[in-house]
């Protein structure tokens, strides 16, 4: 049925809503922005380089001989890409755990059988004897041939015990008691729950070698003539408009409620109707009207 809109001239809207769309000027550049992006790029490269170098585990062997030094393992290493690195969980931090972490592979996690071999009872008993020797030599102020990470652990643990006024025999007993407890726990895990050892001795990280490979392939980092030279401008255009709602000649009564929607959006809502009420979708909003 054709509606005569001339009848509704001068009719005021019963509601209105203000909408706006912000459109940035993509690619807008300034000297300040270029300097900031250059600093950011330098920072990313430095971060990648530091992570890569720290993940490259070298093992140059140096021995003092008569008349000079004997150096072995002085060669370029094969790059090993991995998403995890060996570590020692805080709850099991000990001499034994630090020694074990230094023996773990970096390109893969040990299998269950390999964990059982690494944490064999006899091997752990031998490591306990070495731990006793290292602690005794430290207490005697002889730190030769003690690995740096092990020496750091012994120093911190001994300092905490000295702060509690522990004697030298008490310090030795406390450190060895913890070593025995940690060894017993690790040995049991290797036989019953080897997957827990992966969590205790490995930390998941992003691979810096893989990050460098995809750095220049990032779609956002290759916009513009050179990488990382496209920026999102803080200056843009704001399109403002107001939507007005009118009530013209329909078989419905005056509206009693709305659900506001942004331009271009859609809505599907399903619910039961009450007696004497009709609900319709019209002009981007849900119209509640009682039937007259």
Protein backbone atom coordinates (compact mmCIF):
# COMPACT_ATOMS: atom_id res chain seq x y z
CA UNK A 1 0.00 0.00 0.00
CA UNK A 2 1.43 3.37 -1.02
CA UNK A 3 1.86 5.84 1.85
CA UNK A 4 1.34 9.58 1.39
CA UNK A 5 4.43 11.08 3.10
CA UNK A 6 3.15 14.62 2.55
CA UNK A 7 0.92 14.07 5.58
CA UNK A 8 3.99 13.79 7.86
CA UNK A 9 5.77 17.03 6.97
CA UNK A 10 6.95 18.79 10.13
CA UNK A 11 6.82 15.59 12.22
CA UNK A 12 9.62 15.56 14.77
CA UNK A 13 11.66 12.41 15.44
CA UNK A 14 10.92 10.59 18.65
CA UNK A 15 14.57 9.54 19.10
CA UNK A 16 18.03 10.04 17.62
CA UNK A 17 21.50 8.52 17.98
CA UNK A 18 24.94 9.95 17.13
CA UNK A 19 27.36 7.68 15.26
CA UNK A 20 30.93 8.22 14.11
CA UNK A 21 33.63 6.41 12.12
CA UNK A 22 37.35 7.23 12.48
CA UNK A 23 39.43 6.77 9.32
CA UNK A 24 43.21 7.04 9.94
CA UNK A 25 45.54 8.19 7.20
CA UNK A 26 47.55 4.99 6.67
CA UNK A 27 51.12 5.64 5.57
CA UNK A 28 51.31 9.20 6.93
CA UNK A 29 54.88 9.82 8.08
CA UNK A 30 56.74 12.49 9.96
CA UNK A 31 60.37 12.87 11.04
CA UNK A 32 59.43 12.08 14.65
CA UNK A 33 57.55 8.93 13.60
CA UNK A 34 60.40 7.76 11.36
CA UNK A 35 62.90 8.25 14.19
CA UNK A 36 60.68 6.30 16.58
CA UNK A 37 60.28 3.44 14.11
CA UNK A 38 64.04 3.36 13.47
CA UNK A 39 64.72 3.10 17.20
CA UNK A 40 62.15 0.34 17.46
CA UNK A 41 63.76 -1.59 14.61
CA UNK A 42 67.21 -1.28 16.22
CA UNK A 43 65.78 -2.51 19.52
CA UNK A 44 64.19 -5.55 17.85
CA UNK A 45 67.44 -6.49 16.11
CA UNK A 46 69.42 -6.13 19.37
CA UNK A 47 66.88 -8.28 21.22
CA UNK A 48 67.02 -10.99 18.53
CA UNK A 49 70.83 -10.96 18.57
CA UNK A 50 71.07 -11.24 22.36
CA UNK A 51 68.62 -14.14 22.45
CA UNK A 52 70.36 -16.00 19.61
CA UNK A 53 73.81 -15.65 21.17
CA UNK A 54 72.54 -16.75 24.59
CA UNK A 55 70.96 -19.85 23.03
CA UNK A 56 74.19 -20.87 21.26
CA UNK A 57 75.84 -23.28 23.66
CA UNK A 58 79.59 -23.44 23.00
CA UNK A 59 81.97 -25.88 24.70
CA UNK A 60 85.54 -24.78 24.03
CA UNK A 61 87.98 -26.93 25.99
CA UNK A 62 91.13 -25.18 27.25
CA UNK A 63 93.93 -27.02 29.08
CA UNK A 64 97.18 -25.64 30.41
CA UNK A 65 100.22 -27.55 29.23
CA UNK A 66 103.91 -26.86 29.46
CA UNK A 67 104.73 -23.89 27.29
CA UNK A 68 101.16 -22.90 26.37
CA UNK A 69 97.53 -24.00 26.05
CA UNK A 70 95.73 -26.83 24.33
CA UNK A 71 92.40 -25.67 22.86
CA UNK A 72 89.79 -28.00 21.34
CA UNK A 73 86.19 -27.65 20.12
CA UNK A 74 87.01 -24.26 18.59
CA UNK A 75 84.71 -24.32 15.56
CA UNK A 76 81.45 -22.91 14.22
CA UNK A 77 78.45 -24.76 15.64
CA UNK A 78 75.41 -26.08 13.84
CA UNK A 79 72.36 -23.91 14.52
CA UNK A 80 69.78 -25.77 16.61
CA UNK A 81 66.24 -24.40 16.39
CA UNK A 82 64.10 -25.30 19.37
CA UNK A 83 61.17 -23.89 21.30
CA UNK A 84 62.45 -24.83 24.75
CA UNK A 85 65.65 -24.45 26.79
CA UNK A 86 66.97 -26.44 29.75
CA UNK A 87 66.50 -24.87 33.15
CA UNK A 88 66.19 -25.85 36.81
CA UNK A 89 62.79 -25.44 38.42
CA UNK A 90 62.89 -23.32 41.57
CA UNK A 91 61.39 -26.08 43.72
CA UNK A 92 64.17 -28.55 42.83
CA UNK A 93 67.08 -26.08 42.75
CA UNK A 94 70.13 -27.97 44.04
CA UNK A 95 73.63 -29.05 43.09
CA UNK A 96 72.35 -32.27 41.53
CA UNK A 97 69.63 -30.50 39.51
CA UNK A 98 72.07 -27.92 38.14
CA UNK A 99 74.53 -30.63 37.12
CA UNK A 100 71.75 -32.58 35.42
CA UNK A 101 70.49 -29.50 33.56
CA UNK A 102 73.96 -28.93 32.12
CA UNK A 103 73.89 -32.44 30.62
CA UNK A 104 70.46 -32.18 28.97
CA UNK A 105 70.10 -31.90 25.18
CA UNK A 106 68.95 -28.55 23.77
CA UNK A 107 67.47 -29.76 20.46
CA UNK A 108 64.93 -32.16 21.97
CA UNK A 109 63.54 -33.38 25.26
CA UNK A 110 64.73 -36.75 26.62
CA UNK A 111 62.50 -39.75 26.21
CA UNK A 112 61.26 -41.75 29.20
CA UNK A 113 64.08 -44.28 28.75
CA UNK A 114 66.67 -41.51 28.55
CA UNK A 115 65.35 -39.94 31.75
CA UNK A 116 65.70 -43.30 33.50
CA UNK A 117 69.30 -43.56 32.28
CA UNK A 118 70.21 -40.00 33.31
CA UNK A 119 68.65 -40.44 36.76
CA UNK A 120 69.85 -43.96 37.49
CA UNK A 121 70.31 -44.76 41.17
CA UNK A 122 74.02 -45.54 40.88
CA UNK A 123 74.73 -42.41 38.86
CA UNK A 124 72.88 -40.28 41.40
CA UNK A 125 74.83 -41.85 44.26
CA UNK A 126 78.08 -40.90 42.50
CA UNK A 127 76.81 -37.36 42.00
CA UNK A 128 75.98 -37.19 45.70
CA UNK A 129 79.60 -38.02 46.50
CA UNK A 130 80.76 -35.28 44.12
CA UNK A 131 78.33 -32.84 45.74
CA UNK A 132 79.75 -33.65 49.17
CA UNK A 133 83.28 -33.03 47.87
CA UNK A 134 82.28 -29.68 46.33
CA UNK A 135 80.56 -28.45 49.48
CA UNK A 136 83.47 -29.52 51.68
CA UNK A 137 85.97 -27.77 49.41
CA UNK A 138 83.85 -24.62 49.45
CA UNK A 139 83.67 -24.67 53.26
CA UNK A 140 87.45 -25.05 53.25
CA UNK A 141 87.64 -21.96 50.99
CA UNK A 142 88.84 -23.98 48.00
CA UNK A 143 86.60 -23.25 45.01
CA UNK A 144 88.76 -24.77 42.26
CA UNK A 145 87.03 -27.09 39.78
CA UNK A 146 83.56 -26.14 41.02
CA UNK A 147 81.23 -25.18 38.11
CA UNK A 148 80.17 -21.50 38.33
CA UNK A 149 76.43 -22.19 38.58
CA UNK A 150 77.01 -24.83 41.28
CA UNK A 151 79.32 -22.48 43.18
CA UNK A 152 76.67 -19.76 43.08
CA UNK A 153 74.07 -22.13 44.54
CA UNK A 154 76.39 -23.30 47.34
CA UNK A 155 77.34 -19.73 48.26
CA UNK A 156 73.72 -18.55 48.50
CA UNK A 157 72.59 -21.61 50.45
CA UNK A 158 75.52 -21.38 52.88
CA UNK A 159 74.96 -17.65 53.41
CA UNK A 160 71.32 -18.27 54.34
CA UNK A 161 72.35 -20.89 56.89
CA UNK A 162 75.11 -18.70 58.33
CA UNK A 163 72.54 -15.95 58.79
CA UNK A 164 70.70 -18.41 61.05
CA UNK A 165 73.92 -18.96 63.04
CA UNK A 166 74.42 -22.49 61.70
CA UNK A 167 77.79 -24.09 62.32
CA UNK A 168 79.95 -25.58 59.56
CA UNK A 169 78.81 -29.19 60.23
CA UNK A 170 75.19 -28.00 60.25
CA UNK A 171 75.68 -26.24 56.91
CA UNK A 172 77.15 -29.39 55.37
CA UNK A 173 74.35 -31.55 56.78
CA UNK A 174 71.58 -29.20 55.59
CA UNK A 175 72.97 -29.01 52.05
CA UNK A 176 73.50 -32.76 51.76
CA UNK A 177 70.06 -33.50 53.23
CA UNK A 178 68.49 -31.44 50.45
CA UNK A 179 70.64 -33.16 47.83
CA UNK A 180 69.48 -36.57 49.02
CA UNK A 181 65.83 -35.48 49.02
CA UNK A 182 66.07 -34.00 45.51
CA UNK A 183 67.84 -37.09 44.16
CA UNK A 184 65.23 -39.40 45.67
CA UNK A 185 62.42 -37.35 44.11
CA UNK A 186 64.04 -37.16 40.67
CA UNK A 187 64.81 -40.89 40.68
CA UNK A 188 61.19 -41.69 41.55
CA UNK A 189 59.90 -39.40 38.80
CA UNK A 190 62.14 -41.04 36.20
CA UNK A 191 60.55 -44.40 37.03
CA UNK A 192 56.93 -43.33 37.50
CA UNK A 193 56.18 -39.87 36.01
CA UNK A 194 58.93 -38.92 33.54
CA UNK A 195 56.70 -36.32 31.86
CA UNK A 196 56.91 -34.20 35.03
CA UNK A 197 60.66 -33.96 34.51
CA UNK A 198 60.06 -32.11 31.22
CA UNK A 199 58.29 -29.39 33.18
CA UNK A 200 60.93 -29.23 35.90
CA UNK A 201 63.93 -29.13 33.56
CA UNK A 202 62.65 -27.34 30.44
CA UNK A 203 61.13 -23.93 29.78
CA UNK A 204 59.08 -23.17 26.68
CA UNK A 205 60.25 -20.07 24.81
CA UNK A 206 60.03 -18.63 21.32
CA UNK A 207 62.83 -19.70 19.01
CA UNK A 208 65.03 -16.66 18.16
CA UNK A 209 66.38 -18.35 15.04
CA UNK A 210 62.83 -18.89 13.75
CA UNK A 211 61.85 -15.34 14.74
CA UNK A 212 64.63 -13.86 12.63
CA UNK A 213 63.59 -15.95 9.63
CA UNK A 214 60.01 -14.61 9.69
CA UNK A 215 60.91 -11.08 10.81
CA UNK A 216 61.06 -9.62 7.29
CA UNK A 217 58.15 -11.80 6.13
CA UNK A 218 55.63 -10.20 8.48
CA UNK A 219 53.02 -8.47 6.26
CA UNK A 220 52.92 -5.44 8.55
CA UNK A 221 56.71 -5.12 8.71
CA UNK A 222 57.20 -5.04 4.93
CA UNK A 223 54.78 -2.23 4.06
CA UNK A 224 56.45 0.70 2.33
CA UNK A 225 59.70 0.90 0.40
CA UNK A 226 61.66 -0.77 3.23
CA UNK A 227 60.69 -2.86 6.26
CA UNK A 228 58.94 -1.17 9.17
CA UNK A 229 58.47 2.16 7.37
CA UNK A 230 54.68 2.11 7.15
CA UNK A 231 52.90 3.63 10.12
CA UNK A 232 49.34 4.18 11.25
CA UNK A 233 48.77 7.90 11.40
CA UNK A 234 47.44 9.51 14.58
CA UNK A 235 45.78 12.04 12.24
CA UNK A 236 42.67 10.95 10.40
CA UNK A 237 39.12 11.78 9.38
CA UNK A 238 36.11 11.42 11.64
CA UNK A 239 32.78 10.93 9.88
CA UNK A 240 29.96 11.96 12.20
CA UNK A 241 26.29 11.52 11.45
CA UNK A 242 23.11 11.34 13.44
CA UNK A 243 20.35 8.83 12.82
CA UNK A 244 16.79 10.00 13.46
CA UNK A 245 13.84 7.74 14.20
CA UNK A 246 10.34 8.68 13.15
CA UNK A 247 7.00 7.10 13.78
CA UNK A 248 4.90 7.27 10.61
CA UNK A 249 1.55 5.80 9.77
CA UNK A 250 1.61 2.06 10.67
CA UNK A 251 -0.75 -0.38 12.30
CA UNK A 252 1.61 -0.42 15.33
CA UNK A 253 1.39 1.78 18.38
CA UNK A 254 4.12 4.11 19.69
CA UNK A 255 7.51 2.43 20.34
CA UNK A 256 8.28 1.43 23.90
CA UNK A 257 11.91 0.25 23.51
CA UNK A 258 14.85 -0.15 21.14
CA UNK A 259 18.05 -2.13 20.69
CA UNK A 260 20.59 0.24 19.16
CA UNK A 261 22.84 -1.09 16.38
CA UNK A 262 25.81 0.54 14.68
CA UNK A 263 25.57 1.19 10.92
CA UNK A 264 26.09 -1.88 8.78
CA UNK A 265 25.56 -4.35 11.62
CA UNK A 266 22.93 -7.06 11.74
CA UNK A 267 20.98 -8.65 14.55
CA UNK A 268 19.02 -11.85 14.89
CA UNK A 269 17.08 -12.32 18.08
CA UNK A 270 14.53 -15.04 18.78
CA UNK A 271 12.19 -14.87 21.75
CA UNK A 272 8.50 -15.64 22.48
CA UNK A 273 5.89 -12.93 21.98
CA UNK A 274 3.54 -11.91 24.73
CA UNK A 275 -0.12 -11.62 24.03
CA UNK A 276 -1.07 -8.30 22.51
CA UNK A 277 2.48 -7.40 21.41
CA UNK A 278 4.27 -7.39 18.06
CA UNK A 279 8.01 -6.97 17.53
CA UNK A 280 9.65 -6.14 14.19
CA UNK A 281 13.09 -5.25 12.85
CA UNK A 282 12.98 -1.88 11.12
CA UNK A 283 15.72 0.56 10.05
CA UNK A 284 18.48 -1.13 12.06
CA UNK A 285 16.71 -1.30 15.41
CA UNK A 286 14.31 -3.63 17.16
CA UNK A 287 10.91 -1.99 17.47
CA UNK A 288 8.68 -2.86 20.46
CA UNK A 289 5.12 -1.76 19.95
CA UNK A 290 1.83 -2.82 21.50
CA UNK A 291 -0.85 -3.67 18.94
CA UNK A 292 -3.50 -0.96 18.88
